[in-house]
Amino acid sequence: MADVGDGQSLEAHPPVSRPVAAAQDYVEGRLSQYQKWYDRKAIKTKAMHLRMRTLSVVGGALVPVLVNLDLSFAKLTATVLSLIVVGTVSLESVYRYREQWKNYRSTEQLLGHERIYFETKVGPYSDLSETEAFTTLVARVESAIANENSATLNVMTLGGQVSTDVQTPPGIPGARRERH
């Protein structure tokens, strides 16, 4: 899915570079690639969120001060600054950088946890054969990616959020929920 959240580019999810032949290929290829992609997107959207928030807060605080100054440039500056604040707040409500940042970061973290669980054979991967563990890993990682895609689409179109928890689709062999 192309991402339009940064307002400047249509950076798509990373392409699949080659067919996956083994668990190690999947972990070092697709899983690592997506972790890095989500990390970059989280950093980028967090920075945009903080810039826009800072501009709107500082600008909003300066407008009343400028309005009360008896200087020739103050009225024009207050008007321009007010327009910038309104534009910034409006754009933040359109692009929803905060929500995107949270979705990207939580997905990146979730993929990292899945990798550790898989490599150490704990949680949903304990007591599974190599094949069952790999099948479970792929199902959980792909589900997390699909959930993030859905969450981003939901944030950008409806303004809501979709949970990015790993949900194992029914019928996946050897797939189990993590024990508590």
Protein backbone atom coordinates (compact mmCIF):
# COMPACT_ATOMS: atom_id res chain seq x y z
CA MET A 1 0.00 0.00 0.00
CA ALA A 2 1.39 3.40 -0.89
CA ASP A 3 1.81 5.72 2.05
CA VAL A 4 0.55 9.27 1.70
CA GLY A 5 1.09 10.15 5.34
CA ASP A 6 4.14 12.31 4.94
CA GLY A 7 2.36 14.60 2.50
CA GLN A 8 5.29 14.55 0.11
CA SER A 9 5.93 11.07 -1.26
CA LEU A 10 4.18 7.89 -2.15
CA GLU A 11 6.76 5.57 -0.60
CA ALA A 12 5.43 2.05 -0.93
CA HIS A 13 6.16 -0.84 1.37
CA PRO A 14 9.42 -2.58 0.54
CA PRO A 15 9.26 -4.96 -2.43
CA VAL A 16 9.84 -8.66 -2.05
CA SER A 17 13.40 -9.07 -3.29
CA ARG A 18 13.39 -12.82 -3.93
CA PRO A 19 11.38 -15.94 -3.10
CA VAL A 20 11.67 -17.15 0.47
CA ALA A 21 13.29 -20.57 0.70
CA ALA A 22 13.92 -20.94 4.42
CA ALA A 23 13.20 -19.42 7.79
CA GLN A 24 16.56 -17.65 7.91
CA ASP A 25 15.95 -16.10 4.48
CA TYR A 26 12.56 -14.85 5.66
CA VAL A 27 13.93 -13.42 8.93
CA GLU A 28 16.98 -11.77 7.36
CA GLY A 29 15.11 -10.70 4.24
CA ARG A 30 11.48 -9.77 4.55
CA LEU A 31 11.22 -9.41 8.34
CA SER A 32 14.37 -7.27 8.67
CA GLN A 33 13.39 -5.24 5.63
CA TYR A 34 9.99 -4.42 7.11
CA GLN A 35 11.43 -3.65 10.54
CA LYS A 36 13.78 -1.10 8.97
CA TRP A 37 11.01 0.36 6.81
CA TYR A 38 8.65 0.80 9.77
CA ASP A 39 11.48 2.30 11.83
CA ARG A 40 12.24 4.89 9.12
CA LYS A 41 8.55 5.75 8.71
CA ALA A 42 8.07 6.05 12.50
CA ILE A 43 11.02 8.44 12.76
CA LYS A 44 9.78 10.51 9.83
CA THR A 45 6.16 10.79 11.00
CA LYS A 46 7.18 11.51 14.59
CA ALA A 47 9.39 14.36 13.38
CA MET A 48 6.56 15.78 11.27
CA HIS A 49 4.12 15.49 14.19
CA LEU A 50 6.50 17.28 16.55
CA ARG A 51 7.30 20.03 14.02
CA MET A 52 3.63 20.72 13.33
CA ARG A 53 2.72 20.59 17.02
CA THR A 54 5.55 22.96 17.94
CA LEU A 55 4.63 25.40 15.19
CA SER A 56 0.96 25.46 16.19
CA VAL A 57 1.66 25.83 19.94
CA VAL A 58 4.34 28.50 19.62
CA GLY A 59 2.43 30.36 16.90
CA GLY A 60 -0.78 30.18 18.91
CA ALA A 61 1.01 31.63 21.95
CA LEU A 62 2.60 34.48 19.96
CA VAL A 63 -0.58 35.73 18.22
CA PRO A 64 -2.18 37.32 21.34
CA VAL A 65 1.13 38.98 22.22
CA LEU A 66 1.49 40.45 18.74
CA VAL A 67 -2.11 41.67 18.70
CA ASN A 68 -1.50 43.64 21.90
CA LEU A 69 1.71 45.29 20.69
CA ASP A 70 1.50 48.81 19.36
CA LEU A 71 3.95 48.30 16.52
CA SER A 72 3.35 48.76 12.79
CA PHE A 73 4.33 45.19 11.81
CA ALA A 74 2.52 43.45 14.70
CA LYS A 75 -0.96 43.30 13.16
CA LEU A 76 0.24 41.92 9.83
CA THR A 77 2.58 39.46 11.58
CA ALA A 78 -0.24 38.28 13.86
CA THR A 79 -2.50 37.75 10.85
CA VAL A 80 0.11 35.77 8.93
CA LEU A 81 1.02 33.73 12.01
CA SER A 82 -2.68 32.98 12.64
CA LEU A 83 -3.01 31.67 9.09
CA ILE A 84 0.06 29.49 9.55
CA VAL A 85 -1.31 28.07 12.81
CA VAL A 86 -4.70 27.31 11.23
CA GLY A 87 -2.99 25.69 8.25
CA THR A 88 -0.72 23.60 10.46
CA VAL A 89 -3.56 22.38 12.68
CA SER A 90 -5.68 21.62 9.63
CA LEU A 91 -2.92 19.66 7.91
CA GLU A 92 -2.24 17.67 11.09
CA SER A 93 -5.91 16.69 11.18
CA VAL A 94 -5.65 15.53 7.56
CA TYR A 95 -2.32 13.65 7.66
CA ARG A 96 -2.63 12.44 11.28
CA TYR A 97 1.10 12.13 11.81
CA ARG A 98 0.70 11.18 15.49
CA GLU A 99 -1.53 8.21 14.73
CA GLN A 100 0.69 7.09 11.87
CA TRP A 101 3.79 7.38 14.04
CA LYS A 102 2.16 5.21 16.71
CA ASN A 103 1.03 2.61 14.15
CA TYR A 104 4.45 2.42 12.51
CA ARG A 105 6.36 2.26 15.80
CA SER A 106 4.08 -0.36 17.36
CA THR A 107 4.31 -2.53 14.23
CA GLU A 108 8.10 -2.20 14.15
CA GLN A 109 8.28 -3.19 17.82
CA LEU A 110 5.88 -6.09 17.31
CA LEU A 111 7.99 -7.45 14.43
CA GLY A 112 11.08 -7.24 16.64
CA HIS A 113 9.34 -9.20 19.40
CA GLU A 114 8.20 -11.84 16.93
CA ARG A 115 11.76 -12.22 15.69
CA ILE A 116 13.11 -12.70 19.23
CA TYR A 117 10.31 -15.13 20.17
CA PHE A 118 10.96 -17.15 17.01
CA GLU A 119 14.75 -17.20 17.37
CA THR A 120 14.59 -18.18 21.05
CA LYS A 121 11.65 -20.58 20.62
CA VAL A 122 9.52 -18.99 23.36
CA GLY A 123 5.90 -17.89 23.54
CA PRO A 124 3.91 -19.06 20.53
CA TYR A 125 6.99 -20.85 19.12
CA SER A 126 7.77 -23.12 22.07
CA ASP A 127 7.29 -26.84 21.51
CA LEU A 128 6.81 -26.41 17.75
CA SER A 129 8.73 -28.18 15.02
CA GLU A 130 10.92 -26.02 12.78
CA THR A 131 8.28 -26.13 10.03
CA GLU A 132 5.41 -25.26 12.39
CA ALA A 133 7.43 -22.44 13.97
CA PHE A 134 8.29 -20.98 10.55
CA THR A 135 4.65 -21.23 9.39
CA THR A 136 3.54 -19.52 12.60
CA LEU A 137 6.15 -16.78 12.20
CA VAL A 138 5.10 -16.04 8.63
CA ALA A 139 1.41 -16.00 9.58
CA ARG A 140 1.98 -13.66 12.53
CA VAL A 141 4.34 -11.29 10.68
CA GLU A 142 2.14 -11.06 7.61
CA SER A 143 -0.89 -10.52 9.84
CA ALA A 144 0.91 -7.68 11.65
CA ILE A 145 1.79 -6.05 8.33
CA ALA A 146 -1.80 -6.42 7.09
CA ASN A 147 -3.13 -5.00 10.37
CA GLU A 148 -0.85 -1.98 10.05
CA ASN A 149 -1.97 -1.42 6.46
CA SER A 150 -5.56 -1.56 7.65
CA ALA A 151 -4.85 0.78 10.57
CA THR A 152 -3.15 3.35 8.32
CA LEU A 153 -5.98 3.22 5.83
CA ASN A 154 -8.49 3.59 8.65
CA VAL A 155 -6.61 6.52 10.18
CA MET A 156 -6.32 8.27 6.84
CA THR A 157 -9.93 7.75 5.79
CA LEU A 158 -12.04 7.48 8.92
CA GLY A 159 -9.87 9.08 11.57
CA GLY A 160 -10.07 5.95 13.73
CA GLN A 161 -7.62 3.27 14.64
CA VAL A 162 -7.43 -0.47 14.17
CA SER A 163 -5.59 -2.63 16.66
CA THR A 164 -2.15 -3.70 15.49
CA ASP A 165 -2.08 -6.73 17.77
CA VAL A 166 -1.05 -9.91 16.07
CA GLN A 167 -4.17 -11.81 15.18
CA THR A 168 -3.59 -15.30 13.93
CA PRO A 169 -5.92 -16.10 11.06
CA PRO A 170 -7.97 -19.29 11.50
CA GLY A 171 -6.68 -22.40 9.81
CA ILE A 172 -2.95 -21.65 10.11
CA PRO A 173 -1.23 -24.93 10.98
CA GLY A 174 0.61 -24.89 14.29
CA ALA A 175 -0.46 -21.32 15.06
CA ARG A 176 -1.11 -20.67 18.71
CA ARG A 177 -1.60 -17.60 20.85
CA GLU A 178 1.10 -16.67 23.29
CA ARG A 179 0.70 -18.23 26.75
CA HIS A 180 0.40 -15.99 29.79
